[in-house]
PDB file of N, CA and C in Angstrom:
ATOM      1  N   MET A   1    -108.102  51.722 -87.687  1.00  0.00           N
ATOM      2  CA  MET A   1    -106.715  50.622 -88.123  1.00  0.00           C
ATOM      3  C   MET A   1    -105.580  50.864 -88.095  1.00  0.00           C
ATOM      4  N   ARG A   2    -105.375  52.362 -88.365  1.00  0.00           N
ATOM      5  CA  ARG A   2    -103.756  52.708 -88.210  1.00  0.00           C
ATOM      6  C   ARG A   2    -103.054  52.274 -87.084  1.00  0.00           C
ATOM      7  N   SER A   3    -103.830  52.078 -85.774  1.00  0.00           N
ATOM      8  CA  SER A   3    -103.649  52.552 -84.315  1.00  0.00           C
ATOM      9  C   SER A   3    -103.575  50.922 -84.547  1.00  0.00           C
ATOM     10  N   GLU A   4    -104.642  49.987 -84.930  1.00  0.00           N
ATOM     11  CA  GLU A   4    -104.300  48.413 -84.737  1.00  0.00           C
ATOM     12  C   GLU A   4    -103.466  47.828 -85.321  1.00  0.00           C
ATOM     13  N   ILE A   5    -102.957  48.642 -86.112  1.00  0.00           N
ATOM     14  CA  ILE A   5    -101.428  48.050 -87.088  1.00  0.00           C
ATOM     15  C   ILE A   5    -100.478  48.494 -86.581  1.00  0.00           C
ATOM     16  N   GLU A   6    -100.205  49.734 -85.723  1.00  0.00           N
ATOM     17  CA  GLU A   6     -98.914  50.224 -85.105  1.00  0.00           C
ATOM     18  C   GLU A   6     -98.557  49.373 -83.875  1.00  0.00           C
ATOM     19  N   THR A   7    -100.096  48.856 -83.193  1.00  0.00           N
ATOM     20  CA  THR A   7     -99.617  48.108 -82.197  1.00  0.00           C
ATOM     21  C   THR A   7     -99.401  46.890 -82.383  1.00  0.00           C
ATOM     22  N   ALA A   8     -99.789  45.877 -83.522  1.00  0.00           N
ATOM     23  CA  ALA A   8     -99.315  45.181 -84.050  1.00  0.00           C
ATOM     24  C   ALA A   8     -97.826  44.829 -84.119  1.00  0.00           C
ATOM     25  N   ALA A   9     -97.526  46.031 -84.820  1.00  0.00           N
ATOM     26  CA  ALA A   9     -96.140  46.139 -85.018  1.00  0.00           C
ATOM     27  C   ALA A   9     -95.221  45.884 -84.158  1.00  0.00           C
ATOM     28  N   ARG A  10     -95.794  46.896 -83.323  1.00  0.00           N
ATOM     29  CA  ARG A  10     -94.779  46.724 -81.616  1.00  0.00           C
ATOM     30  C   ARG A  10     -94.776  45.394 -81.183  1.00  0.00           C
ATOM     31  N   SER A  11     -95.759  44.995 -81.113  1.00  0.00           N
ATOM     32  CA  SER A  11     -95.250  43.521 -80.404  1.00  0.00           C
ATOM     33  C   SER A  11     -95.037  42.259 -80.852  1.00  0.00           C
ATOM     34  N   ALA A  12     -94.908  42.474 -81.969  1.00  0.00           N
ATOM     35  CA  ALA A  12     -94.076  41.241 -83.317  1.00  0.00           C
ATOM     36  C   ALA A  12     -92.662  41.081 -83.069  1.00  0.00           C
ATOM     37  N   ALA A  13     -92.475  39.964 -83.196  1.00  0.00           N
ATOM     38  CA  ALA A  13     -91.330  39.627 -83.614  1.00  0.00           C
ATOM     39  C   ALA A  13     -90.800  40.322 -84.741  1.00  0.00           C
ATOM     40  N   PRO A  14     -88.742  40.598 -84.152  1.00  0.00           N
ATOM     41  CA  PRO A  14     -88.548  41.334 -85.293  1.00  0.00           C
ATOM     42  C   PRO A  14     -88.768  40.709 -86.944  1.00  0.00           C
ATOM     43  N   ALA A  15     -88.840  41.043 -88.595  1.00  0.00           N
ATOM     44  CA  ALA A  15     -89.288  40.718 -89.136  1.00  0.00           C
ATOM     45  C   ALA A  15     -87.527  40.293 -89.784  1.00  0.00           C
ATOM     46  N   PRO A  16     -87.854  39.096 -91.016  1.00  0.00           N
ATOM     47  CA  PRO A  16     -86.712  39.005 -91.769  1.00  0.00           C
ATOM     48  C   PRO A  16     -86.097  40.035 -92.416  1.00  0.00           C
ATOM     49  N   ASP A  17     -84.489  40.130 -92.246  1.00  0.00           N
ATOM     50  CA  ASP A  17     -83.973  41.326 -92.860  1.00  0.00           C
ATOM     51  C   ASP A  17     -84.141  41.309 -94.527  1.00  0.00           C
ATOM     52  N   PHE A  18     -84.857  42.240 -95.264  1.00  0.00           N
ATOM     53  CA  PHE A  18     -85.144  42.430 -96.441  1.00  0.00           C
ATOM     54  C   PHE A  18     -84.406  42.640 -97.527  1.00  0.00           C
ATOM     55  N   ALA A  19     -83.446  43.513 -97.009  1.00  0.00           N
ATOM     56  CA  ALA A  19     -82.422  43.600 -98.227  1.00  0.00           C
ATOM     57  C   ALA A  19     -81.548  42.477 -98.156  1.00  0.00           C
ATOM     58  N   ALA A  20     -81.149  42.089 -97.267  1.00  0.00           N
ATOM     59  CA  ALA A  20     -79.880  40.388 -96.938  1.00  0.00           C
ATOM     60  C   ALA A  20     -80.725  39.519 -98.136  1.00  0.00           C
ATOM     61  N   ALA A  21     -82.412  39.598 -97.612  1.00  0.00           N
ATOM     62  CA  ALA A  21     -83.354  38.345 -98.642  1.00  0.00           C
ATOM     63  C   ALA A  21     -82.750  38.442-100.249  1.00  0.00           C
ATOM     64  N   LEU A  22     -82.962  40.044-100.558  1.00  0.00           N
ATOM     65  CA  LEU A  22     -82.677  40.314-101.924  1.00  0.00           C
ATOM     66  C   LEU A  22     -81.144  40.108-102.563  1.00  0.00           C
ATOM     67  N   GLN A  23     -80.247  39.963-101.362  1.00  0.00           N
ATOM     68  CA  GLN A  23     -78.767  40.322-102.012  1.00  0.00           C
ATOM     69  C   GLN A  23     -78.475  38.551-102.181  1.00  0.00           C
ATOM     70  N   ARG A  24     -78.750  37.712-102.748  1.00  0.00           N
ATOM     71  CA  ARG A  24     -78.818  36.123-102.672  1.00  0.00           C
ATOM     72  C   ARG A  24     -77.739  36.171-104.179  1.00  0.00           C
ATOM     73  N   THR A  25     -77.168  35.013-104.484  1.00  0.00           N
ATOM     74  CA  THR A  25     -76.607  35.257-105.859  1.00  0.00           C
ATOM     75  C   THR A  25     -77.146  34.587-106.827  1.00  0.00           C
ATOM     76  N   ASP A  26     -78.530  33.673-106.363  1.00  0.00           N
ATOM     77  CA  ASP A  26     -79.381  33.055-107.316  1.00  0.00           C
ATOM     78  C   ASP A  26     -80.776  34.274-107.484  1.00  0.00           C
ATOM     79  N   VAL A  27     -81.528  33.933-108.592  1.00  0.00           N
ATOM     80  CA  VAL A  27     -82.692  34.836-108.623  1.00  0.00           C
ATOM     81  C   VAL A  27     -83.472  34.856-107.255  1.00  0.00           C
ATOM     82  N   ALA A  28     -83.733  36.399-106.759  1.00  0.00           N
ATOM     83  CA  ALA A  28     -84.137  36.694-105.637  1.00  0.00           C
ATOM     84  C   ALA A  28     -85.807  37.106-106.085  1.00  0.00           C
ATOM     85  N   VAL A  29     -87.024  36.317-106.112  1.00  0.00           N
ATOM     86  CA  VAL A  29     -87.844  36.653-106.270  1.00  0.00           C
ATOM     87  C   VAL A  29     -88.897  37.162-105.359  1.00  0.00           C
ATOM     88  N   ILE A  30     -89.189  38.205-105.335  1.00  0.00           N
ATOM     89  CA  ILE A  30     -90.779  39.090-104.378  1.00  0.00           C
ATOM     90  C   ILE A  30     -92.007  38.501-104.248  1.00  0.00           C
ATOM     91  N   ALA A  31     -92.443  37.272-103.795  1.00  0.00           N
ATOM     92  CA  ALA A  31     -94.026  37.270-103.905  1.00  0.00           C
ATOM     93  C   ALA A  31     -95.081  38.086-103.783  1.00  0.00           C
ATOM     94  N   GLU A  32     -96.309  38.253-104.164  1.00  0.00           N
ATOM     95  CA  GLU A  32     -97.251  38.973-103.292  1.00  0.00           C
ATOM     96  C   GLU A  32     -98.377  37.983-103.016  1.00  0.00           C
ATOM     97  N   VAL A  33     -98.789  38.361-102.021  1.00  0.00           N
ATOM     98  CA  VAL A  33    -100.322  37.720-101.442  1.00  0.00           C
ATOM     99  C   VAL A  33    -101.234  39.108-101.866  1.00  0.00           C
ATOM    100  N   LYS A  34    -102.376  38.446-102.382  1.00  0.00           N
ATOM    101  CA  LYS A  34    -103.495  39.738-102.645  1.00  0.00           C
ATOM    102  C   LYS A  34    -104.669  39.133-103.261  1.00  0.00           C
ATOM    103  N   ARG A  35    -106.097  39.474-102.721  1.00  0.00           N
ATOM    104  CA  ARG A  35    -107.454  38.587-103.189  1.00  0.00           C
ATOM    105  C   ARG A  35    -107.721  39.847-104.317  1.00  0.00           C
ATOM    106  N   ARG A  36    -107.380  40.570-104.586  1.00  0.00           N
ATOM    107  CA  ARG A  36    -107.716  41.532-105.697  1.00  0.00           C
ATOM    108  C   ARG A  36    -107.349  42.502-106.312  1.00  0.00           C
ATOM    109  N   SER A  37    -106.954  42.988-107.153  1.00  0.00           N
ATOM    110  CA  SER A  37    -106.373  44.015-107.565  1.00  0.00           C
ATOM    111  C   SER A  37    -107.112  45.115-108.006  1.00  0.00           C
ATOM    112  N   PRO A  38    -106.728  46.313-107.617  1.00  0.00           N
ATOM    113  CA  PRO A  38    -107.708  47.851-108.756  1.00  0.00           C
ATOM    114  C   PRO A  38    -107.701  47.693-110.390  1.00  0.00           C
ATOM    115  N   SER A  39    -106.859  46.959-110.763  1.00  0.00           N
ATOM    116  CA  SER A  39    -106.672  46.955-112.338  1.00  0.00           C
ATOM    117  C   SER A  39    -107.445  45.995-112.656  1.00  0.00           C
ATOM    118  N   GLN A  40    -107.382  44.333-112.116  1.00  0.00           N
ATOM    119  CA  GLN A  40    -108.224  43.361-112.449  1.00  0.00           C
ATOM    120  C   GLN A  40    -108.960  42.654-112.119  1.00  0.00           C
ATOM    121  N   GLY A  41    -109.418  43.294-110.761  1.00  0.00           N
ATOM    122  CA  GLY A  41    -110.561  42.979-110.075  1.00  0.00           C
ATOM    123  C   GLY A  41    -110.073  41.754-108.841  1.00  0.00           C
ATOM    124  N   ASP A  42    -111.086  40.785-109.071  1.00  0.00           N
ATOM    125  CA  ASP A  42    -110.944  39.657-108.417  1.00  0.00           C
ATOM    126  C   ASP A  42    -110.109  38.678-108.644  1.00  0.00           C
ATOM    127  N   ILE A  43    -108.972  38.513-108.087  1.00  0.00           N
ATOM    128  CA  ILE A  43    -108.286  37.201-108.519  1.00  0.00           C
ATOM    129  C   ILE A  43    -108.248  35.966-107.969  1.00  0.00           C
ATOM    130  N   ASN A  44    -108.597  35.796-106.338  1.00  0.00           N
ATOM    131  CA  ASN A  44    -109.021  34.556-105.928  1.00  0.00           C
ATOM    132  C   ASN A  44    -109.562  35.000-104.198  1.00  0.00           C
ATOM    133  N   GLY A  45    -110.472  35.120-104.217  1.00  0.00           N
ATOM    134  CA  GLY A  45    -111.516  35.843-103.061  1.00  0.00           C
ATOM    135  C   GLY A  45    -111.424  35.015-101.796  1.00  0.00           C
ATOM    136  N   ARG A  46    -111.263  33.887-102.408  1.00  0.00           N
ATOM    137  CA  ARG A  46    -111.087  33.074-101.511  1.00  0.00           C
ATOM    138  C   ARG A  46    -109.374  32.222-100.716  1.00  0.00           C
ATOM    139  N   LEU A  47    -108.554  33.130-101.215  1.00  0.00           N
ATOM    140  CA  LEU A  47    -107.458  32.639-100.870  1.00  0.00           C
ATOM    141  C   LEU A  47    -107.187  32.554 -99.647  1.00  0.00           C
ATOM    142  N   GLN A  48    -106.647  31.701 -98.914  1.00  0.00           N
ATOM    143  CA  GLN A  48    -105.824  32.054 -97.514  1.00  0.00           C
ATOM    144  C   GLN A  48    -103.895  32.459 -97.522  1.00  0.00           C
ATOM    145  N   ALA A  49    -104.092  33.529 -96.821  1.00  0.00           N
ATOM    146  CA  ALA A  49    -102.574  34.114 -96.968  1.00  0.00           C
ATOM    147  C   ALA A  49    -101.836  33.081 -96.791  1.00  0.00           C
ATOM    148  N   ALA A  50    -101.700  32.809 -95.276  1.00  0.00           N
ATOM    149  CA  ALA A  50    -100.656  31.959 -94.527  1.00  0.00           C
ATOM    150  C   ALA A  50    -100.635  30.968 -95.657  1.00  0.00           C
ATOM    151  N   ASP A  51    -101.610  29.772 -96.418  1.00  0.00           N
ATOM    152  CA  ASP A  51    -101.433  29.147 -97.000  1.00  0.00           C
ATOM    153  C   ASP A  51    -100.278  29.528 -98.557  1.00  0.00           C
ATOM    154  N   GLN A  52    -101.015  30.766 -99.110  1.00  0.00           N
ATOM    155  CA  GLN A  52    -100.211  30.752-100.188  1.00  0.00           C
ATOM    156  C   GLN A  52     -98.890  31.545 -99.583  1.00  0.00           C
ATOM    157  N   ALA A  53     -98.687  32.121 -98.573  1.00  0.00           N
ATOM    158  CA  ALA A  53     -97.141  32.525 -98.156  1.00  0.00           C
ATOM    159  C   ALA A  53     -96.548  31.603 -97.715  1.00  0.00           C
ATOM    160  N   ALA A  54     -96.908  30.087 -97.455  1.00  0.00           N
ATOM    161  CA  ALA A  54     -96.403  28.871 -97.101  1.00  0.00           C
ATOM    162  C   ALA A  54     -95.899  27.912 -98.542  1.00  0.00           C
ATOM    163  N   ALA A  55     -96.446  28.211 -99.555  1.00  0.00           N
ATOM    164  CA  ALA A  55     -96.449  28.062-100.953  1.00  0.00           C
ATOM    165  C   ALA A  55     -95.385  28.666-101.765  1.00  0.00           C
ATOM    166  N   TYR A  56     -95.594  29.908-101.197  1.00  0.00           N
ATOM    167  CA  TYR A  56     -94.367  30.602-102.044  1.00  0.00           C
ATOM    168  C   TYR A  56     -92.815  30.495-101.522  1.00  0.00           C
ATOM    169  N   ALA A  57     -92.988  30.358 -99.895  1.00  0.00           N
ATOM    170  CA  ALA A  57     -91.737  30.471 -98.874  1.00  0.00           C
ATOM    171  C   ALA A  57     -91.022  28.986 -99.519  1.00  0.00           C
ATOM    172  N   ALA A  58     -91.671  28.028 -99.579  1.00  0.00           N
ATOM    173  CA  ALA A  58     -91.468  26.374 -99.707  1.00  0.00           C
ATOM    174  C   ALA A  58     -90.762  26.489-101.436  1.00  0.00           C
ATOM    175  N   GLY A  59     -91.732  27.381-102.121  1.00  0.00           N
ATOM    176  CA  GLY A  59     -91.077  27.700-103.373  1.00  0.00           C
ATOM    177  C   GLY A  59     -89.894  28.755-103.524  1.00  0.00           C
ATOM    178  N   GLY A  60     -89.417  28.776-102.478  1.00  0.00           N
ATOM    179  CA  GLY A  60     -88.303  29.710-102.467  1.00  0.00           C
ATOM    180  C   GLY A  60     -88.133  31.236-102.695  1.00  0.00           C
ATOM    181  N   ALA A  61     -89.288  31.666-102.546  1.00  0.00           N
ATOM    182  CA  ALA A  61     -89.629  33.114-102.413  1.00  0.00           C
ATOM    183  C   ALA A  61     -88.247  34.005-101.523  1.00  0.00           C
ATOM    184  N   ALA A  62     -87.399  34.863-101.831  1.00  0.00           N
ATOM    185  CA  ALA A  62     -86.685  35.514-101.249  1.00  0.00           C
ATOM    186  C   ALA A  62     -87.769  36.448-100.541  1.00  0.00           C
ATOM    187  N   ALA A  63     -88.932  36.982-100.725  1.00  0.00           N
ATOM    188  CA  ALA A  63     -89.323  37.775 -99.826  1.00  0.00           C
ATOM    189  C   ALA A  63     -90.896  37.669 -99.931  1.00  0.00           C
ATOM    190  N   ILE A  64     -91.801  37.977 -99.113  1.00  0.00           N
ATOM    191  CA  ILE A  64     -93.151  37.874 -99.509  1.00  0.00           C
ATOM    192  C   ILE A  64     -94.070  39.543 -99.529  1.00  0.00           C
ATOM    193  N   SER A  65     -94.419  39.775-100.275  1.00  0.00           N
ATOM    194  CA  SER A  65     -95.346  41.040 -99.809  1.00  0.00           C
ATOM    195  C   SER A  65     -97.114  40.673 -99.465  1.00  0.00           C
ATOM    196  N   VAL A  66     -97.264  41.040 -99.002  1.00  0.00           N
ATOM    197  CA  VAL A  66     -98.768  41.132 -97.973  1.00  0.00           C
ATOM    198  C   VAL A  66     -99.796  42.135 -98.126  1.00  0.00           C
ATOM    199  N   LEU A  67    -100.610  42.251 -98.840  1.00  0.00           N
ATOM    200  CA  LEU A  67    -101.178  43.565 -99.022  1.00  0.00           C
ATOM    201  C   LEU A  67    -102.324  43.509 -98.247  1.00  0.00           C
ATOM    202  N   THR A  68    -102.283  44.601 -97.089  1.00  0.00           N
ATOM    203  CA  THR A  68    -103.852  44.294 -96.249  1.00  0.00           C
ATOM    204  C   THR A  68    -104.377  45.276 -96.436  1.00  0.00           C
ATOM    205  N   GLU A  69    -105.027  46.225 -97.176  1.00  0.00           N
ATOM    206  CA  GLU A  69    -105.312  47.477 -97.607  1.00  0.00           C
ATOM    207  C   GLU A  69    -106.811  46.693 -98.013  1.00  0.00           C
ATOM    208  N   PRO A  70    -108.005  46.859 -97.330  1.00  0.00           N
ATOM    209  CA  PRO A  70    -109.269  46.003 -97.329  1.00  0.00           C
ATOM    210  C   PRO A  70    -109.984  46.587 -98.673  1.00  0.00           C
ATOM    211  N   GLU A  71    -109.950  47.612 -99.353  1.00  0.00           N
ATOM    212  CA  GLU A  71    -110.898  47.991-100.617  1.00  0.00           C
ATOM    213  C   GLU A  71    -110.306  47.556-101.703  1.00  0.00           C
ATOM    214  N   ARG A  72    -109.212  47.732-101.765  1.00  0.00           N
ATOM    215  CA  ARG A  72    -108.678  47.865-103.198  1.00  0.00           C
ATOM    216  C   ARG A  72    -107.894  46.148-103.548  1.00  0.00           C
ATOM    217  N   PHE A  73    -108.044  45.968-102.262  1.00  0.00           N
ATOM    218  CA  PHE A  73    -106.672  44.422-102.201  1.00  0.00           C
ATOM    219  C   PHE A  73    -107.390  43.438-101.685  1.00  0.00           C
ATOM    220  N   ALA A  74    -108.540  43.924-100.957  1.00  0.00           N
ATOM    221  CA  ALA A  74    -109.357  42.485-100.091  1.00  0.00           C
ATOM    222  C   ALA A  74    -108.153  41.788 -99.085  1.00  0.00           C
ATOM    223  N   GLY A  75    -107.478  42.512 -98.713  1.00  0.00           N
ATOM    224  CA  GLY A  75    -106.256  42.271 -97.731  1.00  0.00           C
ATOM    225  C   GLY A  75    -106.741  42.319 -95.710  1.00  0.00           C
ATOM    226  N   ALA A  76    -106.465  42.387 -94.948  1.00  0.00           N
ATOM    227  CA  ALA A  76    -106.227  42.631 -93.494  1.00  0.00           C
ATOM    228  C   ALA A  76    -105.469  42.636 -93.025  1.00  0.00           C
ATOM    229  N   PRO A  77    -105.048  43.684 -91.689  1.00  0.00           N
ATOM    230  CA  PRO A  77    -104.106  43.238 -91.004  1.00  0.00           C
ATOM    231  C   PRO A  77    -103.712  42.216 -90.410  1.00  0.00           C
ATOM    232  N   GLU A  78    -105.049  41.070 -89.916  1.00  0.00           N
ATOM    233  CA  GLU A  78    -104.373  39.671 -90.186  1.00  0.00           C
ATOM    234  C   GLU A  78    -103.535  38.633 -90.633  1.00  0.00           C
ATOM    235  N   ASP A  79    -103.889  39.186 -92.322  1.00  0.00           N
ATOM    236  CA  ASP A  79    -103.340  38.393 -93.161  1.00  0.00           C
ATOM    237  C   ASP A  79    -101.515  38.249 -93.025  1.00  0.00           C
ATOM    238  N   LEU A  80    -101.203  39.529 -92.490  1.00  0.00           N
ATOM    239  CA  LEU A  80    -100.075  39.941 -92.567  1.00  0.00           C
ATOM    240  C   LEU A  80     -99.121  39.210 -91.459  1.00  0.00           C
ATOM    241  N   ALA A  81    -100.464  38.440 -90.085  1.00  0.00           N
ATOM    242  CA  ALA A  81     -99.792  38.394 -88.826  1.00  0.00           C
ATOM    243  C   ALA A  81     -99.961  36.869 -89.352  1.00  0.00           C
ATOM    244  N   ALA A  82    -100.788  36.262 -89.859  1.00  0.00           N
ATOM    245  CA  ALA A  82    -100.642  34.979 -90.201  1.00  0.00           C
ATOM    246  C   ALA A  82     -99.454  34.557 -91.137  1.00  0.00           C
ATOM    247  N   VAL A  83     -99.294  35.115 -92.120  1.00  0.00           N
ATOM    248  CA  VAL A  83     -98.177  34.984 -92.998  1.00  0.00           C
ATOM    249  C   VAL A  83     -97.026  35.004 -92.403  1.00  0.00           C
ATOM    250  N   ARG A  84     -96.481  35.874 -91.474  1.00  0.00           N
ATOM    251  CA  ARG A  84     -95.664  35.997 -90.515  1.00  0.00           C
ATOM    252  C   ARG A  84     -94.976  34.568 -89.736  1.00  0.00           C
ATOM    253  N   GLY A  85     -96.397  34.084 -88.948  1.00  0.00           N
ATOM    254  CA  GLY A  85     -96.310  33.138 -88.008  1.00  0.00           C
ATOM    255  C   GLY A  85     -96.162  31.672 -89.075  1.00  0.00           C
ATOM    256  N   ARG A  86     -96.763  31.798 -90.173  1.00  0.00           N
ATOM    257  CA  ARG A  86     -96.750  30.306 -91.103  1.00  0.00           C
ATOM    258  C   ARG A  86     -95.390  30.491 -92.022  1.00  0.00           C
ATOM    259  N   VAL A  87     -94.322  31.677 -92.332  1.00  0.00           N
ATOM    260  CA  VAL A  87     -93.770  31.439 -93.285  1.00  0.00           C
ATOM    261  C   VAL A  87     -92.433  30.701 -92.158  1.00  0.00           C
ATOM    262  N   ALA A  88     -92.663  31.928 -91.211  1.00  0.00           N
ATOM    263  CA  ALA A  88     -91.548  31.571 -89.757  1.00  0.00           C
ATOM    264  C   ALA A  88     -91.431  29.825 -89.880  1.00  0.00           C
ATOM    265  N   ALA A  89     -92.458  28.998 -89.731  1.00  0.00           N
ATOM    266  CA  ALA A  89     -92.329  27.954 -89.041  1.00  0.00           C
ATOM    267  C   ALA A  89     -92.045  27.276 -90.359  1.00  0.00           C
ATOM    268  N   VAL A  90     -92.406  27.690 -91.699  1.00  0.00           N
ATOM    269  CA  VAL A  90     -91.923  27.011 -93.050  1.00  0.00           C
ATOM    270  C   VAL A  90     -90.676  27.505 -92.909  1.00  0.00           C
ATOM    271  N   ASN A  91     -89.346  28.271 -92.926  1.00  0.00           N
ATOM    272  CA  ASN A  91     -88.269  28.625 -92.843  1.00  0.00           C
ATOM    273  C   ASN A  91     -87.603  27.902 -91.824  1.00  0.00           C
ATOM    274  N   ALA A  92     -88.246  27.439 -90.582  1.00  0.00           N
ATOM    275  CA  ALA A  92     -87.314  26.493 -89.034  1.00  0.00           C
ATOM    276  C   ALA A  92     -87.582  25.319 -89.689  1.00  0.00           C
ATOM    277  N   SER A  93     -88.593  24.744 -90.774  1.00  0.00           N
ATOM    278  CA  SER A  93     -88.656  23.218 -91.072  1.00  0.00           C
ATOM    279  C   SER A  93     -87.141  22.925 -92.241  1.00  0.00           C
ATOM    280  N   SER A  94     -87.326  24.009 -92.628  1.00  0.00           N
ATOM    281  CA  SER A  94     -86.659  23.755 -94.006  1.00  0.00           C
ATOM    282  C   SER A  94     -84.973  23.913 -93.429  1.00  0.00           C
ATOM    283  N   GLY A  95     -84.708  24.662 -92.838  1.00  0.00           N
ATOM    284  CA  GLY A  95     -83.585  25.197 -91.847  1.00  0.00           C
ATOM    285  C   GLY A  95     -82.663  24.465 -91.522  1.00  0.00           C
TER     286      GLY A  95
END
């Protein structure tokens, strides 16, 4: 799994500047995409990560955290790739 993540990271386009996203003059919210929580259990097992992230981006989130850990958060590396592509499209259409 680690090698898959490293390979995906090397081939991905550069990520948006996290520090710059938080240095806004208004409130900077970091939204979180996860299906499950170790402390709360299932949150939304059918959540589509890209759809949720697009809603967060459209709502003005400064940054989006995507939990990819499968056992505790029910995430996957594919979620990160899907979110990144979808949020880039949302940001391009709103810019």
